[in-house]
Amino acid sequence: MTIRDIATIAQVSPATVSIVLNNKGGVSKKTRERILKVAKDNNYSMTKSSRKKMRGVLLIKFLGTGLLVDENQSFVSSIIDSIGSELRSHNYRLTMHLEENCLDEALSALDLDTCSVVVIGTELSRDAFQALEKIPVPYVVVDNSVAGINCNSITVDNSSNVYIALAHLKEKGHEHIAHLRSSIVVENLAERAGAFGRWAKALEFELAERSEIFLTPTLVGAYQDMCTELKGGIKLPSCLYADNDTIAIGAMKALKEYGYRIPQDISIIGMDDIPFSSICTPPLTTVRVQKDLIGKIAVIQLMTLLQNPEYKNAKTLITGQLVERGSVSPPTY
């Protein structure tokens, strides 16, 4: 019987079970009694000495809308898998807490005296950044630069990755471009939008009449929104840059249904290199984000911070690499 087994039976998170078994506060009396009963009924015991030997890291997976964490196929889960694997190599145990509402309230309720923390900040908005200051133990924010906040973080080098994508389109001979932009705004995508404007100008692209086309960042949502745009007669340039692969693939389906040949009539490039990118038709040209590396460096940052508290406010950016497939070709005009 493990803490995770108890959590499953008691219908709570492993982090909550850990808090109760370690006799910490922040859990209601009713929930505490239910967890202790499950532990007792299953002959679970943990001596004081064994508790001292355990080293744990709490991963807080924060959801805003959930669209960019759960719908961007396996992106965040791949990072979490990498974090878990790397922590095990350092003899640390990872427990997870899912927070769907208010990060500030979650941090107030959790007892963090005995662990370090990794925050998945993909959907963490700027107005929630200050809540991070409530974390009293060493922590690292993943997939968000957390601009303006003094903390350790690791995320994608959005500016460089957008340049890689746009430079490839330029090298193929494209002159006119539009941005397939997420209708849900998070820090990473806001940075990509700013980078798109800067690099499009620097590379001397001519922006389409509609330079920004806002689409829901899910496969179905992007497809439906793009169908609406095409039905309305939107005029498209020779190439499109999409905020991520999910948006690109959804838009491609709509474009093909409306008679566009990809890449003969229009080229499209994505970002992230999710698994679907290599098997859609045509396979999507994209910029690969090194998800395994993000997870590994997040743990390296955390371990260094635990060993030396002076190693703080280190922010790491990971640059991607171009993956050429079949969705981009020179323009035919």
Protein backbone atom coordinates (compact mmCIF):
# COMPACT_ATOMS: atom_id res chain seq x y z
CA MET A 1 0.00 0.00 0.00
CA THR A 2 1.49 3.32 -1.12
CA ILE A 3 0.48 6.94 -0.63
CA ARG A 4 -0.82 6.93 -4.20
CA ASP A 5 -2.96 3.85 -3.46
CA ILE A 6 -4.44 5.55 -0.39
CA ALA A 7 -5.12 8.68 -2.46
CA THR A 8 -7.01 6.63 -5.05
CA ILE A 9 -9.21 4.93 -2.45
CA ALA A 10 -9.83 8.14 -0.49
CA GLN A 11 -10.42 10.13 -3.72
CA VAL A 12 -7.90 12.84 -2.88
CA SER A 13 -4.49 13.85 -4.25
CA PRO A 14 -1.28 12.10 -3.15
CA ALA A 15 -0.10 15.47 -1.82
CA THR A 16 -3.14 15.63 0.48
CA VAL A 17 -2.43 12.11 1.79
CA SER A 18 1.19 13.08 2.44
CA ILE A 19 0.09 16.15 4.40
CA VAL A 20 -2.26 14.09 6.58
CA LEU A 21 0.19 11.24 7.22
CA ASN A 22 2.82 13.79 8.22
CA ASN A 23 0.32 15.42 10.59
CA LYS A 24 0.41 18.80 8.86
CA GLY A 25 -2.38 21.35 8.65
CA GLY A 26 -4.45 22.55 5.70
CA VAL A 27 -6.81 19.56 5.36
CA SER A 28 -10.37 19.47 6.67
CA LYS A 29 -11.23 17.25 9.64
CA LYS A 30 -13.60 15.11 7.55
CA THR A 31 -11.03 14.49 4.81
CA ARG A 32 -8.30 13.84 7.37
CA GLU A 33 -10.41 11.21 9.14
CA ARG A 34 -11.28 9.52 5.83
CA ILE A 35 -7.61 9.29 4.81
CA LEU A 36 -6.50 7.95 8.21
CA LYS A 37 -9.26 5.34 8.13
CA VAL A 38 -8.18 4.15 4.68
CA ALA A 39 -4.57 3.95 5.87
CA LYS A 40 -5.55 2.03 9.00
CA ASP A 41 -7.90 -0.36 7.17
CA ASN A 42 -5.09 -1.23 4.77
CA ASN A 43 -2.45 -1.65 7.47
CA TYR A 44 -0.43 1.29 6.21
CA SER A 45 2.26 2.49 8.61
CA MET A 46 5.09 4.95 8.28
CA THR A 47 7.51 5.42 11.15
CA LYS A 48 8.88 8.76 12.14
CA SER A 49 12.37 7.75 11.06
CA SER A 50 11.20 6.69 7.60
CA ARG A 51 9.39 9.99 7.13
CA LYS A 52 12.64 11.84 7.75
CA LYS A 53 14.39 9.80 5.06
CA MET A 54 11.78 10.55 2.41
CA ARG A 55 12.55 13.37 0.02
CA GLY A 56 9.66 14.69 -2.00
CA VAL A 57 8.88 17.26 -4.63
CA LEU A 58 5.36 18.57 -5.08
CA LEU A 59 4.36 19.37 -8.65
CA ILE A 60 1.52 21.88 -8.94
CA LYS A 61 -0.21 21.62 -12.31
CA PHE A 62 -2.18 24.82 -12.72
CA LEU A 63 -5.13 25.01 -15.11
CA GLY A 64 -6.73 28.21 -16.34
CA THR A 65 -9.01 27.15 -19.16
CA GLY A 66 -7.20 23.83 -19.46
CA LEU A 67 -7.16 24.17 -23.25
CA LEU A 68 -3.41 24.66 -23.57
CA VAL A 69 -2.42 22.18 -20.86
CA ASP A 70 -4.75 19.27 -21.67
CA GLU A 71 -5.63 19.84 -25.33
CA ASN A 72 -2.15 20.49 -26.76
CA GLN A 73 -1.55 16.79 -27.24
CA SER A 74 1.03 15.41 -24.78
CA PHE A 75 3.09 18.63 -24.66
CA VAL A 76 2.82 19.27 -20.92
CA SER A 77 2.56 15.59 -20.01
CA SER A 78 5.89 14.95 -21.79
CA ILE A 79 7.54 17.64 -19.69
CA ILE A 80 6.06 16.18 -16.50
CA ASP A 81 7.24 12.67 -17.45
CA SER A 82 10.75 14.04 -17.95
CA ILE A 83 10.63 15.82 -14.57
CA GLY A 84 9.50 12.63 -12.83
CA SER A 85 12.19 10.52 -14.48
CA GLU A 86 14.94 12.99 -13.63
CA LEU A 87 13.78 13.31 -10.02
CA ARG A 88 13.87 9.53 -9.59
CA SER A 89 17.48 9.55 -10.72
CA HIS A 90 18.17 11.94 -7.83
CA ASN A 91 16.21 9.71 -5.41
CA TYR A 92 13.30 12.12 -5.09
CA ARG A 93 9.61 11.24 -5.20
CA LEU A 94 7.19 13.36 -7.22
CA THR A 95 3.62 13.98 -6.09
CA MET A 96 1.14 16.06 -8.05
CA HIS A 97 -1.53 18.57 -7.12
CA LEU A 98 -3.97 19.74 -9.80
CA GLU A 99 -5.28 23.27 -9.26
CA GLU A 100 -8.12 24.38 -11.51
CA ASN A 101 -9.21 27.59 -9.85
CA CYS A 102 -7.08 29.95 -7.78
CA LEU A 103 -3.36 29.39 -7.32
CA ASP A 104 -3.31 31.85 -4.43
CA GLU A 105 -5.89 29.82 -2.48
CA ALA A 106 -4.19 26.54 -3.32
CA LEU A 107 -0.84 27.71 -1.99
CA SER A 108 -2.48 28.99 1.17
CA ALA A 109 -4.12 25.59 1.79
CA LEU A 110 -1.13 23.38 1.03
CA ASP A 111 1.44 22.70 3.73
CA LEU A 112 4.77 23.09 1.99
CA ASP A 113 7.11 22.91 4.97
CA THR A 114 8.71 19.61 4.03
CA CYS A 115 9.05 19.67 0.25
CA SER A 116 10.25 21.64 -2.72
CA VAL A 117 7.93 22.62 -5.56
CA VAL A 118 7.70 22.61 -9.35
CA VAL A 119 4.93 24.76 -10.80
CA ILE A 120 3.65 23.99 -14.30
CA GLY A 121 2.95 27.57 -15.34
CA THR A 122 1.71 27.09 -18.91
CA GLU A 123 -1.62 28.77 -18.13
CA LEU A 124 -0.41 30.95 -15.27
CA SER A 125 -1.45 34.54 -16.02
CA ARG A 126 0.38 37.66 -14.95
CA ASP A 127 -2.23 38.53 -12.34
CA ALA A 128 -1.40 35.25 -10.59
CA PHE A 129 2.38 35.70 -10.56
CA GLN A 130 2.42 37.35 -7.13
CA ALA A 131 0.88 34.23 -5.60
CA LEU A 132 4.20 32.44 -6.16
CA GLU A 133 5.70 34.53 -3.37
CA LYS A 134 3.65 32.43 -0.92
CA ILE A 135 5.78 29.37 -1.66
CA PRO A 136 8.11 29.12 1.36
CA VAL A 137 10.39 26.43 -0.06
CA PRO A 138 12.68 26.26 -3.12
CA TYR A 139 10.66 26.17 -6.33
CA VAL A 140 10.97 26.30 -10.11
CA VAL A 141 8.33 27.49 -12.59
CA VAL A 142 8.16 25.49 -15.83
CA ASP A 143 6.82 26.65 -19.22
CA ASN A 144 6.49 30.30 -18.24
CA SER A 145 9.18 32.99 -18.08
CA VAL A 146 7.32 34.66 -15.16
CA ALA A 147 8.49 38.07 -16.35
CA GLY A 148 9.01 40.59 -13.59
CA ILE A 149 9.07 38.03 -10.78
CA ASN A 150 12.30 37.00 -9.05
CA CYS A 151 12.25 33.22 -9.18
CA ASN A 152 13.78 30.27 -10.98
CA SER A 153 12.12 29.30 -14.24
CA ILE A 154 12.65 27.41 -17.46
CA THR A 155 10.65 27.82 -20.62
CA VAL A 156 10.75 27.95 -24.40
CA ASP A 157 12.80 30.62 -26.16
CA ASN A 158 9.73 31.91 -27.96
CA SER A 159 11.46 34.73 -29.79
CA SER A 160 14.16 32.50 -31.28
CA ASN A 161 11.66 29.78 -32.19
CA VAL A 162 9.38 32.20 -34.03
CA TYR A 163 12.42 33.50 -35.91
CA ILE A 164 13.32 29.92 -36.93
CA ALA A 165 9.81 29.41 -38.30
CA LEU A 166 9.55 32.71 -40.17
CA ALA A 167 13.10 32.53 -41.53
CA HIS A 168 12.28 29.12 -43.02
CA LEU A 169 9.22 30.53 -44.78
CA LYS A 170 11.32 33.41 -46.07
CA GLU A 171 14.02 31.06 -47.34
CA LYS A 172 11.33 29.21 -49.30
CA GLY A 173 10.48 32.46 -51.10
CA HIS A 174 7.33 33.60 -49.28
CA GLU A 175 6.66 37.32 -49.05
CA HIS A 176 3.09 37.51 -47.69
CA ILE A 177 2.16 36.07 -44.31
CA ALA A 178 -0.56 35.91 -41.64
CA HIS A 179 -0.56 34.70 -38.04
CA LEU A 180 -2.93 31.94 -36.87
CA ARG A 181 -3.18 33.15 -33.29
CA SER A 182 -4.67 31.51 -30.21
CA SER A 183 -7.89 33.10 -29.00
CA ILE A 184 -6.79 32.14 -25.48
CA VAL A 185 -3.91 34.32 -24.28
CA VAL A 186 -1.16 32.89 -22.06
CA GLU A 187 2.37 34.13 -21.44
CA ASN A 188 4.11 31.92 -24.01
CA LEU A 189 1.68 32.78 -26.78
CA ALA A 190 1.77 36.48 -25.95
CA GLU A 191 5.55 36.30 -26.34
CA ARG A 192 5.14 34.51 -29.67
CA ALA A 193 2.73 37.16 -30.89
CA GLY A 194 5.19 39.92 -30.03
CA ALA A 195 8.01 37.99 -31.70
CA PHE A 196 5.91 37.44 -34.82
CA GLY A 197 5.46 41.18 -35.25
CA ARG A 198 9.15 41.92 -34.74
CA TRP A 199 10.51 39.16 -36.97
CA ALA A 200 7.94 39.63 -39.73
CA LYS A 201 9.10 43.24 -39.98
CA ALA A 202 12.80 42.36 -39.72
CA LEU A 203 12.47 39.71 -42.44
CA GLU A 204 10.53 42.17 -44.62
CA PHE A 205 7.35 40.14 -44.88
CA GLU A 206 4.27 41.88 -46.18
CA LEU A 207 1.41 41.22 -43.76
CA ALA A 208 -1.90 39.99 -45.13
CA GLU A 209 -4.99 42.19 -44.99
CA ARG A 210 -5.99 40.11 -41.96
CA SER A 211 -2.58 39.65 -40.34
CA GLU A 212 -4.03 37.92 -37.26
CA ILE A 213 -6.63 35.15 -37.45
CA PHE A 214 -7.80 34.13 -33.96
CA LEU A 215 -8.60 30.44 -33.49
CA THR A 216 -9.53 28.31 -30.46
CA PRO A 217 -6.37 26.36 -29.46
CA THR A 218 -7.88 22.88 -29.79
CA LEU A 219 -8.02 20.61 -32.84
CA VAL A 220 -11.81 20.86 -33.13
CA GLY A 221 -11.97 24.52 -32.12
CA ALA A 222 -9.30 25.63 -34.60
CA TYR A 223 -11.00 23.63 -37.36
CA GLN A 224 -14.43 25.12 -36.66
CA ASP A 225 -13.15 28.69 -36.33
CA MET A 226 -11.14 28.39 -39.55
CA CYS A 227 -14.20 27.03 -41.36
CA THR A 228 -16.11 30.11 -40.22
CA GLU A 229 -13.35 32.37 -41.55
CA LEU A 230 -13.22 30.57 -44.90
CA LYS A 231 -17.00 30.58 -45.22
CA GLY A 232 -16.83 34.35 -44.73
CA GLY A 233 -14.49 34.67 -47.69
CA ILE A 234 -11.28 35.59 -45.89
CA LYS A 235 -8.39 36.40 -48.22
CA LEU A 236 -5.28 34.40 -47.32
CA PRO A 237 -1.59 35.01 -48.11
CA SER A 238 0.82 32.39 -49.46
CA CYS A 239 1.87 31.20 -45.99
CA LEU A 240 0.62 30.98 -42.42
CA TYR A 241 2.46 30.81 -39.11
CA ALA A 242 0.50 29.10 -36.30
CA ASP A 243 1.02 29.63 -32.56
CA ASN A 244 1.23 25.87 -32.05
CA ASP A 245 0.76 22.60 -33.91
CA THR A 246 -2.74 22.01 -32.56
CA ILE A 247 -3.96 25.23 -34.17
CA ALA A 248 -2.06 24.48 -37.37
CA ILE A 249 -3.51 20.97 -37.76
CA GLY A 250 -7.07 22.12 -37.06
CA ALA A 251 -6.70 24.93 -39.60
CA MET A 252 -5.23 22.57 -42.19
CA LYS A 253 -8.28 20.33 -42.03
CA ALA A 254 -10.54 23.30 -42.70
CA LEU A 255 -8.36 24.60 -45.54
CA LYS A 256 -8.40 21.22 -47.30
CA GLU A 257 -12.18 20.99 -46.99
CA TYR A 258 -12.45 24.39 -48.69
CA GLY A 259 -10.32 23.28 -51.61
CA TYR A 260 -6.87 24.52 -50.64
CA ARG A 261 -3.97 22.27 -51.51
CA ILE A 262 -1.23 22.23 -48.88
CA PRO A 263 1.51 23.24 -49.61
CA GLN A 264 0.83 23.94 -53.30
CA ASP A 265 -1.74 26.69 -52.67
CA ILE A 266 -0.76 27.71 -49.15
CA SER A 267 2.08 26.79 -46.79
CA ILE A 268 1.68 26.45 -43.04
CA ILE A 269 4.19 26.05 -40.22
CA GLY A 270 3.55 25.21 -36.58
CA MET A 271 5.34 25.16 -33.24
CA ASP A 272 6.03 22.42 -30.62
CA ASP A 273 6.24 19.20 -32.74
CA ILE A 274 3.47 17.24 -31.04
CA PRO A 275 3.05 13.59 -32.18
CA PHE A 276 0.12 14.36 -34.53
CA SER A 277 2.41 16.67 -36.53
CA SER A 278 4.25 13.77 -38.14
CA ILE A 279 1.14 11.78 -39.11
CA CYS A 280 -1.32 14.42 -40.31
CA THR A 281 -1.74 14.97 -44.07
CA PRO A 282 0.51 16.49 -45.19
CA PRO A 283 2.93 16.06 -42.29
CA LEU A 284 3.40 19.43 -40.59
CA THR A 285 6.59 21.43 -40.79
CA THR A 286 7.20 22.78 -37.31
CA VAL A 287 9.74 23.94 -34.72
CA ARG A 288 10.48 21.19 -32.25
CA VAL A 289 10.40 22.18 -28.58
CA GLN A 290 12.77 20.01 -26.54
CA LYS A 291 10.30 18.88 -23.90
CA ASP A 292 12.63 16.29 -22.32
CA LEU A 293 15.36 18.90 -21.94
CA ILE A 294 12.96 21.35 -20.29
CA GLY A 295 12.06 18.72 -17.68
CA LYS A 296 15.66 17.72 -17.01
CA ILE A 297 16.93 21.27 -16.61
CA ALA A 298 13.98 22.12 -14.33
CA VAL A 299 15.16 19.36 -11.97
CA ILE A 300 18.81 20.42 -12.26
CA GLN A 301 17.79 23.95 -11.30
CA LEU A 302 15.80 22.64 -8.34
CA MET A 303 18.57 20.34 -7.07
CA THR A 304 21.10 23.17 -7.31
CA LEU A 305 18.73 25.49 -5.48
CA LEU A 306 18.28 22.93 -2.70
CA GLN A 307 22.03 22.59 -2.29
CA ASN A 308 22.70 26.32 -2.46
CA PRO A 309 19.88 28.80 -1.70
CA GLU A 310 21.97 31.56 -3.29
CA TYR A 311 21.35 29.96 -6.68
CA LYS A 312 18.14 31.83 -7.27
CA ASN A 313 16.41 33.93 -9.91
CA ALA A 314 17.98 31.84 -12.69
CA LYS A 315 15.83 31.89 -15.83
CA THR A 316 16.60 29.46 -18.63
CA LEU A 317 15.34 29.60 -22.23
CA ILE A 318 15.39 26.52 -24.48
CA THR A 319 15.69 27.11 -28.22
CA GLY A 320 14.01 24.67 -30.62
CA GLN A 321 14.96 23.25 -33.98
CA LEU A 322 13.30 23.21 -37.37
CA VAL A 323 11.62 19.98 -38.46
CA GLU A 324 10.96 20.05 -42.21
CA ARG A 325 8.04 17.96 -43.42
CA GLY A 326 5.46 18.44 -46.14
CA SER A 327 3.38 21.52 -45.30
CA VAL A 328 5.79 24.17 -46.62
CA SER A 329 7.00 24.68 -50.18
CA PRO A 330 7.92 27.68 -52.35
CA PRO A 331 4.92 29.79 -53.44
CA THR A 332 3.53 29.07 -56.89
CA TYR A 333 2.59 32.62 -57.87
